[in-house]
Amino acid sequence: GVEFDYFNSPFRYQKIEYNGFKFMFNTFDNEDLRNIQLQLIESDLIQAVGRARTLRNKCTALVYSGLPLSIADEFIIKKKSA
């Protein structure tokens, strides 16, 4: 298991690196908790994309997420304007 202090585990919007991507994400400071969180989100997104059956049907699956997926063939990054 992962040992952490439940009451002292900061969760904030921060720059992280995951699967070769560097991006901003709302996540834990604790790297073990962060990896668990990102793996769960990634697996849910991949399953959702798979439901489109893009290999069987001629279709495009659009994913709006702050977590980039390595299976994507295009990324559109929208930066916040001041």
C-alpha atoms as a PDB file:
ATOM      1  CA  GLY A   1       0.000   0.000   0.000  1.00  0.00           C
ATOM      2  CA  VAL A   2       0.836   3.656  -0.147  1.00  0.00           C
ATOM      3  CA  GLU A   3       1.568   5.377   3.130  1.00  0.00           C
ATOM      4  CA  PHE A   4       0.422   8.981   3.425  1.00  0.00           C
ATOM      5  CA  ASP A   5      -0.999  11.415   5.943  1.00  0.00           C
ATOM      6  CA  TYR A   6      -4.711  11.749   5.124  1.00  0.00           C
ATOM      7  CA  PHE A   7      -4.964  15.193   6.720  1.00  0.00           C
ATOM      8  CA  ASN A   8      -1.726  16.530   5.252  1.00  0.00           C
ATOM      9  CA  SER A   9      -1.782  15.493   1.587  1.00  0.00           C
ATOM     10  CA  PRO A  10      -1.824  18.695  -0.475  1.00  0.00           C
ATOM     11  CA  PHE A  11      -3.896  18.638  -3.650  1.00  0.00           C
ATOM     12  CA  ARG A  12      -3.293  21.555  -6.007  1.00  0.00           C
ATOM     13  CA  TYR A  13      -3.091  22.714  -9.619  1.00  0.00           C
ATOM     14  CA  GLN A  14       0.521  22.133 -10.619  1.00  0.00           C
ATOM     15  CA  LYS A  15       2.859  21.331 -13.487  1.00  0.00           C
ATOM     16  CA  ILE A  16       3.490  17.582 -13.706  1.00  0.00           C
ATOM     17  CA  GLU A  17       5.056  15.040 -16.043  1.00  0.00           C
ATOM     18  CA  TYR A  18       3.230  11.813 -16.884  1.00  0.00           C
ATOM     19  CA  ASN A  19       3.732   9.367 -19.765  1.00  0.00           C
ATOM     20  CA  GLY A  20       6.213  11.714 -21.421  1.00  0.00           C
ATOM     21  CA  PHE A  21       3.851  14.707 -21.328  1.00  0.00           C
ATOM     22  CA  LYS A  22       4.367  17.861 -19.265  1.00  0.00           C
ATOM     23  CA  PHE A  23       1.151  19.673 -18.371  1.00  0.00           C
ATOM     24  CA  MET A  24      -0.821  21.439 -15.651  1.00  0.00           C
ATOM     25  CA  PHE A  25      -3.188  19.277 -13.610  1.00  0.00           C
ATOM     26  CA  ASN A  26      -5.082  19.400 -10.317  1.00  0.00           C
ATOM     27  CA  THR A  27      -3.435  16.585  -8.369  1.00  0.00           C
ATOM     28  CA  PHE A  28      -1.636  15.435  -5.234  1.00  0.00           C
ATOM     29  CA  ASP A  29       1.841  16.560  -4.213  1.00  0.00           C
ATOM     30  CA  ASN A  30       2.519  12.976  -3.087  1.00  0.00           C
ATOM     31  CA  GLU A  31       3.907  11.222  -6.170  1.00  0.00           C
ATOM     32  CA  ASP A  32       2.469   7.797  -5.260  1.00  0.00           C
ATOM     33  CA  LEU A  33      -1.044   9.227  -4.828  1.00  0.00           C
ATOM     34  CA  ARG A  34      -0.624  11.243  -8.024  1.00  0.00           C
ATOM     35  CA  ASN A  35       0.314   8.152 -10.037  1.00  0.00           C
ATOM     36  CA  ILE A  36      -2.683   6.228  -8.690  1.00  0.00           C
ATOM     37  CA  GLN A  37      -4.999   9.135  -9.543  1.00  0.00           C
ATOM     38  CA  LEU A  38      -3.596   9.561 -13.063  1.00  0.00           C
ATOM     39  CA  GLN A  39      -3.662   5.825 -13.828  1.00  0.00           C
ATOM     40  CA  LEU A  40      -7.322   5.611 -12.770  1.00  0.00           C
ATOM     41  CA  ILE A  41      -8.288   8.638 -14.874  1.00  0.00           C
ATOM     42  CA  GLU A  42      -6.272   7.367 -17.847  1.00  0.00           C
ATOM     43  CA  SER A  43      -7.876   3.908 -17.748  1.00  0.00           C
ATOM     44  CA  ASP A  44     -11.375   5.435 -17.530  1.00  0.00           C
ATOM     45  CA  LEU A  45     -10.667   7.700 -20.515  1.00  0.00           C
ATOM     46  CA  ILE A  46      -9.242   4.853 -22.607  1.00  0.00           C
ATOM     47  CA  GLN A  47     -12.282   2.709 -21.833  1.00  0.00           C
ATOM     48  CA  ALA A  48     -14.614   5.570 -22.789  1.00  0.00           C
ATOM     49  CA  VAL A  49     -12.780   6.111 -26.087  1.00  0.00           C
ATOM     50  CA  GLY A  50     -12.911   2.379 -26.787  1.00  0.00           C
ATOM     51  CA  ARG A  51     -16.688   2.402 -26.518  1.00  0.00           C
ATOM     52  CA  ALA A  52     -16.808   4.368 -29.777  1.00  0.00           C
ATOM     53  CA  ARG A  53     -15.509   1.223 -31.551  1.00  0.00           C
ATOM     54  CA  THR A  54     -13.285   3.288 -33.840  1.00  0.00           C
ATOM     55  CA  LEU A  55     -11.695   0.138 -35.270  1.00  0.00           C
ATOM     56  CA  ARG A  56     -15.074  -1.253 -36.387  1.00  0.00           C
ATOM     57  CA  ASN A  57     -16.886   1.962 -37.237  1.00  0.00           C
ATOM     58  CA  LYS A  58     -15.788   4.949 -39.254  1.00  0.00           C
ATOM     59  CA  CYS A  59     -15.933   7.529 -36.497  1.00  0.00           C
ATOM     60  CA  THR A  60     -13.876   9.948 -34.471  1.00  0.00           C
ATOM     61  CA  ALA A  61     -13.833  10.001 -30.689  1.00  0.00           C
ATOM     62  CA  LEU A  62     -13.362  13.487 -29.258  1.00  0.00           C
ATOM     63  CA  VAL A  63     -11.996  13.593 -25.725  1.00  0.00           C
ATOM     64  CA  TYR A  64     -12.093  16.794 -23.705  1.00  0.00           C
ATOM     65  CA  SER A  65      -9.707  16.246 -20.841  1.00  0.00           C
ATOM     66  CA  GLY A  66      -6.846  17.861 -19.005  1.00  0.00           C
ATOM     67  CA  LEU A  67      -4.999  14.527 -19.112  1.00  0.00           C
ATOM     68  CA  PRO A  68      -3.270  13.847 -22.457  1.00  0.00           C
ATOM     69  CA  LEU A  69      -3.543  10.283 -23.749  1.00  0.00           C
ATOM     70  CA  SER A  70      -0.714   8.637 -25.669  1.00  0.00           C
ATOM     71  CA  ILE A  71      -3.286   6.941 -27.951  1.00  0.00           C
ATOM     72  CA  ALA A  72      -4.445  10.324 -29.298  1.00  0.00           C
ATOM     73  CA  ASP A  73      -3.369  11.396 -32.761  1.00  0.00           C
ATOM     74  CA  GLU A  74      -4.055  15.104 -32.239  1.00  0.00           C
ATOM     75  CA  PHE A  75      -3.851  17.499 -29.296  1.00  0.00           C
ATOM     76  CA  ILE A  76      -5.458  20.912 -29.078  1.00  0.00           C
ATOM     77  CA  ILE A  77      -4.162  22.951 -26.185  1.00  0.00           C
ATOM     78  CA  LYS A  78      -6.324  25.813 -25.063  1.00  0.00           C
ATOM     79  CA  LYS A  79      -4.496  28.252 -22.843  1.00  0.00           C
ATOM     80  CA  LYS A  80      -6.358  30.455 -20.422  1.00  0.00           C
ATOM     81  CA  SER A  81      -6.469  34.059 -21.540  1.00  0.00           C
ATOM     82  CA  ALA A  82      -5.768  36.804 -19.036  1.00  0.00           C
END
